[in-house]
């Protein structure tokens, strides 16, 4: 069984960045790998966060995506990249 790397692009209000980062690090539906803030303009930053999930387990991606979207303070989250490792 292999692994898949999933990278999410998360949109957050500037006053919630630290709280959302802490929540994203606590997600247990995947193995947390990396988190970066990236400016997109006018003082607004997005969070890019990566997790490892098993590639052959049914529903693993859906569970991870649901967990990310449930973190309080997130306006929008989308899968930016998915690749096998």
PDB file of N, CA and C in Angstrom:
ATOM      1  N   UNK A   1       0.845  -1.178   0.000  1.00  0.00           N
ATOM      2  CA  UNK A   1       0.000   0.000   0.000  1.00  0.00           C
ATOM      3  C   UNK A   1       0.888   1.238   0.000  1.00  0.00           C
ATOM      4  N   UNK A   2       0.581   2.175  -0.910  1.00  0.00           N
ATOM      5  CA  UNK A   2       1.357   3.399  -1.014  1.00  0.00           C
ATOM      6  C   UNK A   2       0.691   4.563  -0.304  1.00  0.00           C
ATOM      7  N   UNK A   3       1.294   5.707  -0.494  1.00  0.00           N
ATOM      8  CA  UNK A   3       0.778   6.918   0.120  1.00  0.00           C
ATOM      9  C   UNK A   3       0.486   7.962  -0.948  1.00  0.00           C
ATOM     10  N   UNK A   4      -0.432   8.847  -0.633  1.00  0.00           N
ATOM     11  CA  UNK A   4      -0.745   9.972  -1.497  1.00  0.00           C
ATOM     12  C   UNK A   4      -0.531  11.250  -0.695  1.00  0.00           C
ATOM     13  N   UNK A   5       0.043  12.253  -1.358  1.00  0.00           N
ATOM     14  CA  UNK A   5       0.232  13.567  -0.748  1.00  0.00           C
ATOM     15  C   UNK A   5      -0.891  14.465  -1.233  1.00  0.00           C
ATOM     16  N   UNK A   6      -1.601  15.074  -0.297  1.00  0.00           N
ATOM     17  CA  UNK A   6      -2.704  15.973  -0.622  1.00  0.00           C
ATOM     18  C   UNK A   6      -2.338  17.363  -0.121  1.00  0.00           C
ATOM     19  N   UNK A   7      -2.423  18.354  -1.006  1.00  0.00           N
ATOM     20  CA  UNK A   7      -2.154  19.739  -0.625  1.00  0.00           C
ATOM     21  C   UNK A   7      -3.444  20.535  -0.772  1.00  0.00           C
ATOM     22  N   UNK A   8      -3.816  21.205   0.309  1.00  0.00           N
ATOM     23  CA  UNK A   8      -5.008  22.050   0.314  1.00  0.00           C
ATOM     24  C   UNK A   8      -4.600  23.517   0.273  1.00  0.00           C
ATOM     25  N   UNK A   9      -5.402  24.309  -0.396  1.00  0.00           N
ATOM     26  CA  UNK A   9      -5.278  25.759  -0.387  1.00  0.00           C
ATOM     27  C   UNK A   9      -6.438  26.263   0.458  1.00  0.00           C
ATOM     28  N   UNK A  10      -6.119  26.930   1.563  1.00  0.00           N
ATOM     29  CA  UNK A  10      -7.122  27.316   2.550  1.00  0.00           C
ATOM     30  C   UNK A  10      -7.193  28.843   2.624  1.00  0.00           C
ATOM     31  N   UNK A  11      -8.397  29.375   2.459  1.00  0.00           N
ATOM     32  CA  UNK A  11      -8.631  30.806   2.534  1.00  0.00           C
ATOM     33  C   UNK A  11      -9.202  31.141   3.911  1.00  0.00           C
ATOM     34  N   UNK A  12      -8.562  32.131   4.570  1.00  0.00           N
ATOM     35  CA  UNK A  12      -8.887  32.465   5.952  1.00  0.00           C
ATOM     36  C   UNK A  12      -8.869  33.987   6.107  1.00  0.00           C
ATOM     37  N   UNK A  13      -9.716  34.509   6.987  1.00  0.00           N
ATOM     38  CA  UNK A  13      -9.631  35.921   7.338  1.00  0.00           C
ATOM     39  C   UNK A  13      -8.323  36.161   8.091  1.00  0.00           C
ATOM     40  N   UNK A  14      -7.665  37.319   7.855  1.00  0.00           N
ATOM     41  CA  UNK A  14      -6.345  37.564   8.480  1.00  0.00           C
ATOM     42  C   UNK A  14      -6.328  37.425  10.001  1.00  0.00           C
ATOM     43  N   UNK A  15      -7.407  37.783  10.676  1.00  0.00           N
ATOM     44  CA  UNK A  15      -7.408  37.705  12.138  1.00  0.00           C
ATOM     45  C   UNK A  15      -7.508  36.269  12.650  1.00  0.00           C
ATOM     46  N   UNK A  16      -7.812  35.308  11.777  1.00  0.00           N
ATOM     47  CA  UNK A  16      -7.962  33.907  12.196  1.00  0.00           C
ATOM     48  C   UNK A  16      -6.792  33.019  11.787  1.00  0.00           C
ATOM     49  N   UNK A  17      -5.740  33.564  11.202  1.00  0.00           N
ATOM     50  CA  UNK A  17      -4.652  32.745  10.665  1.00  0.00           C
ATOM     51  C   UNK A  17      -4.030  31.821  11.706  1.00  0.00           C
ATOM     52  N   UNK A  18      -3.661  32.351  12.859  1.00  0.00           N
ATOM     53  CA  UNK A  18      -2.991  31.532  13.873  1.00  0.00           C
ATOM     54  C   UNK A  18      -3.903  30.422  14.401  1.00  0.00           C
ATOM     55  N   UNK A  19      -5.163  30.759  14.638  1.00  0.00           N
ATOM     56  CA  UNK A  19      -6.127  29.778  15.151  1.00  0.00           C
ATOM     57  C   UNK A  19      -6.365  28.655  14.139  1.00  0.00           C
ATOM     58  N   UNK A  20      -6.477  29.023  12.863  1.00  0.00           N
ATOM     59  CA  UNK A  20      -6.702  28.026  11.818  1.00  0.00           C
ATOM     60  C   UNK A  20      -5.472  27.142  11.649  1.00  0.00           C
ATOM     61  N   UNK A  21      -4.290  27.734  11.684  1.00  0.00           N
ATOM     62  CA  UNK A  21      -3.059  26.941  11.584  1.00  0.00           C
ATOM     63  C   UNK A  21      -3.001  25.883  12.676  1.00  0.00           C
ATOM     64  N   UNK A  22      -3.320  26.266  13.891  1.00  0.00           N
ATOM     65  CA  UNK A  22      -3.298  25.314  15.004  1.00  0.00           C
ATOM     66  C   UNK A  22      -4.308  24.194  14.766  1.00  0.00           C
ATOM     67  N   UNK A  23      -5.489  24.538  14.279  1.00  0.00           N
ATOM     68  CA  UNK A  23      -6.510  23.528  13.999  1.00  0.00           C
ATOM     69  C   UNK A  23      -6.103  22.576  12.893  1.00  0.00           C
ATOM     70  N   UNK A  24      -5.455  23.098  11.857  1.00  0.00           N
ATOM     71  CA  UNK A  24      -5.014  22.254  10.740  1.00  0.00           C
ATOM     72  C   UNK A  24      -3.930  21.268  11.177  1.00  0.00           C
ATOM     73  N   UNK A  25      -3.080  21.679  12.092  1.00  0.00           N
ATOM     74  CA  UNK A  25      -2.005  20.795  12.585  1.00  0.00           C
ATOM     75  C   UNK A  25      -2.558  19.646  13.429  1.00  0.00           C
ATOM     76  N   UNK A  26      -3.755  19.806  14.005  1.00  0.00           N
ATOM     77  CA  UNK A  26      -4.333  18.796  14.893  1.00  0.00           C
ATOM     78  C   UNK A  26      -5.152  17.738  14.158  1.00  0.00           C
ATOM     79  N   UNK A  27      -5.362  17.885  12.871  1.00  0.00           N
ATOM     80  CA  UNK A  27      -6.188  16.930  12.119  1.00  0.00           C
ATOM     81  C   UNK A  27      -5.532  15.552  12.137  1.00  0.00           C
ATOM     82  N   UNK A  28      -6.339  14.519  12.429  1.00  0.00           N
ATOM     83  CA  UNK A  28      -5.804  13.161  12.546  1.00  0.00           C
ATOM     84  C   UNK A  28      -6.227  12.252  11.397  1.00  0.00           C
ATOM     85  N   UNK A  29      -7.025  12.753  10.461  1.00  0.00           N
ATOM     86  CA  UNK A  29      -7.475  11.926   9.335  1.00  0.00           C
ATOM     87  C   UNK A  29      -6.371  11.699   8.305  1.00  0.00           C
ATOM     88  N   UNK A  30      -5.282  12.416   8.425  1.00  0.00           N
ATOM     89  CA  UNK A  30      -4.111  12.246   7.577  1.00  0.00           C
ATOM     90  C   UNK A  30      -2.887  12.589   8.404  1.00  0.00           C
ATOM     91  N   UNK A  31      -1.700  12.268   7.885  1.00  0.00           N
ATOM     92  CA  UNK A  31      -0.462  12.595   8.581  1.00  0.00           C
ATOM     93  C   UNK A  31      -0.005  13.980   8.132  1.00  0.00           C
ATOM     94  N   UNK A  32       0.014  14.932   9.062  1.00  0.00           N
ATOM     95  CA  UNK A  32       0.419  16.295   8.757  1.00  0.00           C
ATOM     96  C   UNK A  32       1.866  16.313   8.274  1.00  0.00           C
ATOM     97  N   UNK A  33       2.131  17.035   7.169  1.00  0.00           N
ATOM     98  CA  UNK A  33       3.491  17.110   6.637  1.00  0.00           C
ATOM     99  C   UNK A  33       4.051  18.526   6.610  1.00  0.00           C
ATOM    100  N   UNK A  34       3.266  19.509   6.159  1.00  0.00           N
ATOM    101  CA  UNK A  34       3.824  20.846   5.982  1.00  0.00           C
ATOM    102  C   UNK A  34       2.707  21.883   5.957  1.00  0.00           C
ATOM    103  N   UNK A  35       3.049  23.101   6.360  1.00  0.00           N
ATOM    104  CA  UNK A  35       2.108  24.206   6.320  1.00  0.00           C
ATOM    105  C   UNK A  35       2.873  25.479   6.024  1.00  0.00           C
ATOM    106  N   UNK A  36       2.376  26.257   5.082  1.00  0.00           N
ATOM    107  CA  UNK A  36       3.010  27.529   4.720  1.00  0.00           C
ATOM    108  C   UNK A  36       1.949  28.587   4.490  1.00  0.00           C
ATOM    109  N   UNK A  37       2.291  29.804   4.885  1.00  0.00           N
ATOM    110  CA  UNK A  37       1.459  30.965   4.557  1.00  0.00           C
ATOM    111  C   UNK A  37       2.053  31.607   3.309  1.00  0.00           C
ATOM    112  N   UNK A  38       1.177  31.979   2.386  1.00  0.00           N
ATOM    113  CA  UNK A  38       1.647  32.628   1.163  1.00  0.00           C
ATOM    114  C   UNK A  38       0.792  33.854   0.886  1.00  0.00           C
ATOM    115  N   UNK A  39       1.436  35.008   0.686  1.00  0.00           N
ATOM    116  CA  UNK A  39       0.675  36.221   0.381  1.00  0.00           C
ATOM    117  C   UNK A  39       0.083  36.149  -1.030  1.00  0.00           C
ATOM    118  N   UNK A  40      -1.156  36.638  -1.163  1.00  0.00           N
ATOM    119  CA  UNK A  40      -1.778  36.682  -2.489  1.00  0.00           C
ATOM    120  C   UNK A  40      -2.082  38.118  -2.908  1.00  0.00           C
ATOM    121  N   UNK A  41      -1.849  39.076  -2.031  1.00  0.00           N
ATOM    122  CA  UNK A  41      -2.016  40.487  -2.367  1.00  0.00           C
ATOM    123  C   UNK A  41      -2.874  41.231  -1.378  1.00  0.00           C
ATOM    124  N   UNK A  42      -2.617  42.528  -1.278  1.00  0.00           N
ATOM    125  CA  UNK A  42      -3.394  43.429  -0.425  1.00  0.00           C
ATOM    126  C   UNK A  42      -3.425  42.958   1.039  1.00  0.00           C
ATOM    127  N   UNK A  43      -2.335  42.375   1.500  1.00  0.00           N
ATOM    128  CA  UNK A  43      -2.249  41.926   2.885  1.00  0.00           C
ATOM    129  C   UNK A  43      -2.985  40.632   3.190  1.00  0.00           C
ATOM    130  N   UNK A  44      -3.483  39.967   2.169  1.00  0.00           N
ATOM    131  CA  UNK A  44      -4.217  38.721   2.357  1.00  0.00           C
ATOM    132  C   UNK A  44      -3.276  37.544   2.131  1.00  0.00           C
ATOM    133  N   UNK A  45      -3.363  36.563   3.009  1.00  0.00           N
ATOM    134  CA  UNK A  45      -2.548  35.355   2.894  1.00  0.00           C
ATOM    135  C   UNK A  45      -3.444  34.124   2.798  1.00  0.00           C
ATOM    136  N   UNK A  46      -2.968  33.120   2.065  1.00  0.00           N
ATOM    137  CA  UNK A  46      -3.618  31.809   2.052  1.00  0.00           C
ATOM    138  C   UNK A  46      -2.698  30.846   2.777  1.00  0.00           C
ATOM    139  N   UNK A  47      -3.274  29.771   3.242  1.00  0.00           N
ATOM    140  CA  UNK A  47      -2.485  28.709   3.882  1.00  0.00           C
ATOM    141  C   UNK A  47      -2.470  27.525   2.942  1.00  0.00           C
ATOM    142  N   UNK A  48      -1.279  27.001   2.677  1.00  0.00           N
ATOM    143  CA  UNK A  48      -1.142  25.752   1.938  1.00  0.00           C
ATOM    144  C   UNK A  48      -0.691  24.716   2.947  1.00  0.00           C
ATOM    145  N   UNK A  49      -1.453  23.624   3.022  1.00  0.00           N
ATOM    146  CA  UNK A  49      -1.168  22.596   4.026  1.00  0.00           C
ATOM    147  C   UNK A  49      -1.182  21.235   3.347  1.00  0.00           C
ATOM    148  N   UNK A  50      -0.218  20.387   3.712  1.00  0.00           N
ATOM    149  CA  UNK A  50      -0.094  19.067   3.102  1.00  0.00           C
ATOM    150  C   UNK A  50      -0.239  17.942   4.108  1.00  0.00           C
ATOM    151  N   UNK A  51      -0.865  16.865   3.645  1.00  0.00           N
ATOM    152  CA  UNK A  51      -1.066  15.663   4.458  1.00  0.00           C
ATOM    153  C   UNK A  51      -0.754  14.431   3.627  1.00  0.00           C
ATOM    154  N   UNK A  52      -0.334  13.378   4.292  1.00  0.00           N
ATOM    155  CA  UNK A  52      -0.183  12.071   3.667  1.00  0.00           C
ATOM    156  C   UNK A  52      -1.377  11.214   4.055  1.00  0.00           C
ATOM    157  N   UNK A  53      -1.928  10.510   3.061  1.00  0.00           N
ATOM    158  CA  UNK A  53      -3.025   9.568   3.318  1.00  0.00           C
ATOM    159  C   UNK A  53      -2.720   8.278   2.564  1.00  0.00           C
ATOM    160  N   UNK A  54      -3.262   7.142   3.019  1.00  0.00           N
ATOM    161  CA  UNK A  54      -3.083   5.895   2.272  1.00  0.00           C
ATOM    162  C   UNK A  54      -3.834   5.975   0.952  1.00  0.00           C
ATOM    163  N   UNK A  55      -3.205   5.504  -0.122  1.00  0.00           N
ATOM    164  CA  UNK A  55      -3.834   5.642  -1.446  1.00  0.00           C
ATOM    165  C   UNK A  55      -4.855   4.556  -1.753  1.00  0.00           C
ATOM    166  N   UNK A  56      -4.868   3.463  -1.023  1.00  0.00           N
ATOM    167  CA  UNK A  56      -5.770   2.347  -1.336  1.00  0.00           C
ATOM    168  C   UNK A  56      -6.961   2.229  -0.375  1.00  0.00           C
ATOM    169  N   UNK A  57      -7.098   3.169   0.549  1.00  0.00           N
ATOM    170  CA  UNK A  57      -8.179   3.115   1.531  1.00  0.00           C
ATOM    171  C   UNK A  57      -9.360   3.929   1.015  1.00  0.00           C
ATOM    172  N   UNK A  58     -10.493   3.270   0.849  1.00  0.00           N
ATOM    173  CA  UNK A  58     -11.698   3.957   0.385  1.00  0.00           C
ATOM    174  C   UNK A  58     -12.148   5.000   1.398  1.00  0.00           C
ATOM    175  N   UNK A  59     -12.437   6.186   0.920  1.00  0.00           N
ATOM    176  CA  UNK A  59     -12.963   7.240   1.773  1.00  0.00           C
ATOM    177  C   UNK A  59     -11.928   8.058   2.516  1.00  0.00           C
ATOM    178  N   UNK A  60     -10.645   7.738   2.399  1.00  0.00           N
ATOM    179  CA  UNK A  60      -9.611   8.475   3.131  1.00  0.00           C
ATOM    180  C   UNK A  60      -9.559   9.938   2.695  1.00  0.00           C
ATOM    181  N   UNK A  61      -9.668  10.169   1.408  1.00  0.00           N
ATOM    182  CA  UNK A  61      -9.623  11.533   0.884  1.00  0.00           C
ATOM    183  C   UNK A  61     -10.834  12.341   1.349  1.00  0.00           C
ATOM    184  N   UNK A  62     -12.000  11.738   1.308  1.00  0.00           N
ATOM    185  CA  UNK A  62     -13.226  12.417   1.719  1.00  0.00           C
ATOM    186  C   UNK A  62     -13.177  12.780   3.203  1.00  0.00           C
ATOM    187  N   UNK A  63     -12.692  11.857   4.033  1.00  0.00           N
ATOM    188  CA  UNK A  63     -12.584  12.121   5.470  1.00  0.00           C
ATOM    189  C   UNK A  63     -11.627  13.273   5.748  1.00  0.00           C
ATOM    190  N   UNK A  64     -10.495  13.284   5.051  1.00  0.00           N
ATOM    191  CA  UNK A  64      -9.516  14.352   5.245  1.00  0.00           C
ATOM    192  C   UNK A  64     -10.090  15.690   4.787  1.00  0.00           C
ATOM    193  N   UNK A  65     -10.716  15.702   3.633  1.00  0.00           N
ATOM    194  CA  UNK A  65     -11.295  16.942   3.103  1.00  0.00           C
ATOM    195  C   UNK A  65     -12.372  17.487   4.047  1.00  0.00           C
ATOM    196  N   UNK A  66     -13.215  16.618   4.566  1.00  0.00           N
ATOM    197  CA  UNK A  66     -14.251  17.037   5.517  1.00  0.00           C
ATOM    198  C   UNK A  66     -13.629  17.596   6.800  1.00  0.00           C
ATOM    199  N   UNK A  67     -12.569  16.954   7.276  1.00  0.00           N
ATOM    200  CA  UNK A  67     -11.911  17.417   8.503  1.00  0.00           C
ATOM    201  C   UNK A  67     -11.291  18.798   8.306  1.00  0.00           C
ATOM    202  N   UNK A  68     -10.671  19.022   7.159  1.00  0.00           N
ATOM    203  CA  UNK A  68     -10.069  20.329   6.878  1.00  0.00           C
ATOM    204  C   UNK A  68     -11.151  21.406   6.827  1.00  0.00           C
ATOM    205  N   UNK A  69     -12.239  21.126   6.152  1.00  0.00           N
ATOM    206  CA  UNK A  69     -13.304  22.118   5.999  1.00  0.00           C
ATOM    207  C   UNK A  69     -14.043  22.413   7.313  1.00  0.00           C
ATOM    208  N   UNK A  70     -13.938  21.518   8.293  1.00  0.00           N
ATOM    209  CA  UNK A  70     -14.613  21.714   9.576  1.00  0.00           C
ATOM    210  C   UNK A  70     -13.801  22.550  10.566  1.00  0.00           C
ATOM    211  N   UNK A  71     -12.553  22.865  10.242  1.00  0.00           N
ATOM    212  CA  UNK A  71     -11.735  23.671  11.149  1.00  0.00           C
ATOM    213  C   UNK A  71     -12.375  25.058  11.261  1.00  0.00           C
ATOM    214  N   UNK A  72     -12.649  25.519  12.480  1.00  0.00           N
ATOM    215  CA  UNK A  72     -13.286  26.829  12.647  1.00  0.00           C
ATOM    216  C   UNK A  72     -12.427  27.962  12.088  1.00  0.00           C
ATOM    217  N   UNK A  73     -13.059  28.900  11.407  1.00  0.00           N
ATOM    218  CA  UNK A  73     -12.366  30.064  10.877  1.00  0.00           C
ATOM    219  C   UNK A  73     -12.014  29.976   9.406  1.00  0.00           C
ATOM    220  N   UNK A  74     -12.220  28.813   8.787  1.00  0.00           N
ATOM    221  CA  UNK A  74     -11.901  28.650   7.371  1.00  0.00           C
ATOM    222  C   UNK A  74     -13.066  29.165   6.525  1.00  0.00           C
ATOM    223  N   UNK A  75     -12.752  30.038   5.577  1.00  0.00           N
ATOM    224  CA  UNK A  75     -13.766  30.537   4.642  1.00  0.00           C
ATOM    225  C   UNK A  75     -13.979  29.570   3.492  1.00  0.00           C
ATOM    226  N   UNK A  76     -12.865  29.035   2.992  1.00  0.00           N
ATOM    227  CA  UNK A  76     -12.930  28.109   1.855  1.00  0.00           C
ATOM    228  C   UNK A  76     -11.669  27.250   1.856  1.00  0.00           C
ATOM    229  N   UNK A  77     -11.808  25.998   1.462  1.00  0.00           N
ATOM    230  CA  UNK A  77     -10.669  25.093   1.328  1.00  0.00           C
ATOM    231  C   UNK A  77     -10.867  24.271   0.068  1.00  0.00           C
ATOM    232  N   UNK A  78      -9.799  24.142  -0.708  1.00  0.00           N
ATOM    233  CA  UNK A  78      -9.878  23.357  -1.942  1.00  0.00           C
ATOM    234  C   UNK A  78      -8.623  22.518  -2.089  1.00  0.00           C
ATOM    235  N   UNK A  79      -8.786  21.357  -2.710  1.00  0.00           N
ATOM    236  CA  UNK A  79      -7.638  20.499  -2.980  1.00  0.00           C
ATOM    237  C   UNK A  79      -6.870  21.126  -4.132  1.00  0.00           C
ATOM    238  N   UNK A  80      -5.624  21.457  -3.869  1.00  0.00           N
ATOM    239  CA  UNK A  80      -4.787  22.088  -4.895  1.00  0.00           C
ATOM    240  C   UNK A  80      -3.966  21.047  -5.656  1.00  0.00           C
ATOM    241  N   UNK A  81      -3.581  19.975  -4.961  1.00  0.00           N
ATOM    242  CA  UNK A  81      -2.741  18.963  -5.598  1.00  0.00           C
ATOM    243  C   UNK A  81      -2.946  17.630  -4.896  1.00  0.00           C
ATOM    244  N   UNK A  82      -2.876  16.571  -5.677  1.00  0.00           N
ATOM    245  CA  UNK A  82      -2.914  15.211  -5.153  1.00  0.00           C
ATOM    246  C   UNK A  82      -1.944  14.385  -5.992  1.00  0.00           C
ATOM    247  N   UNK A  83      -0.994  13.745  -5.323  1.00  0.00           N
ATOM    248  CA  UNK A  83      -0.013  12.950  -6.052  1.00  0.00           C
ATOM    249  C   UNK A  83       0.387  11.726  -5.236  1.00  0.00           C
ATOM    250  N   UNK A  84       0.748  10.662  -5.930  1.00  0.00           N
ATOM    251  CA  UNK A  84       1.231   9.450  -5.265  1.00  0.00           C
ATOM    252  C   UNK A  84       2.680   9.632  -4.847  1.00  0.00           C
ATOM    253  N   UNK A  85       3.023   9.008  -3.721  1.00  0.00           N
ATOM    254  CA  UNK A  85       4.398   9.071  -3.224  1.00  0.00           C
ATOM    255  C   UNK A  85       4.966   7.668  -3.208  1.00  0.00           C
TER     256      UNK A  85
END
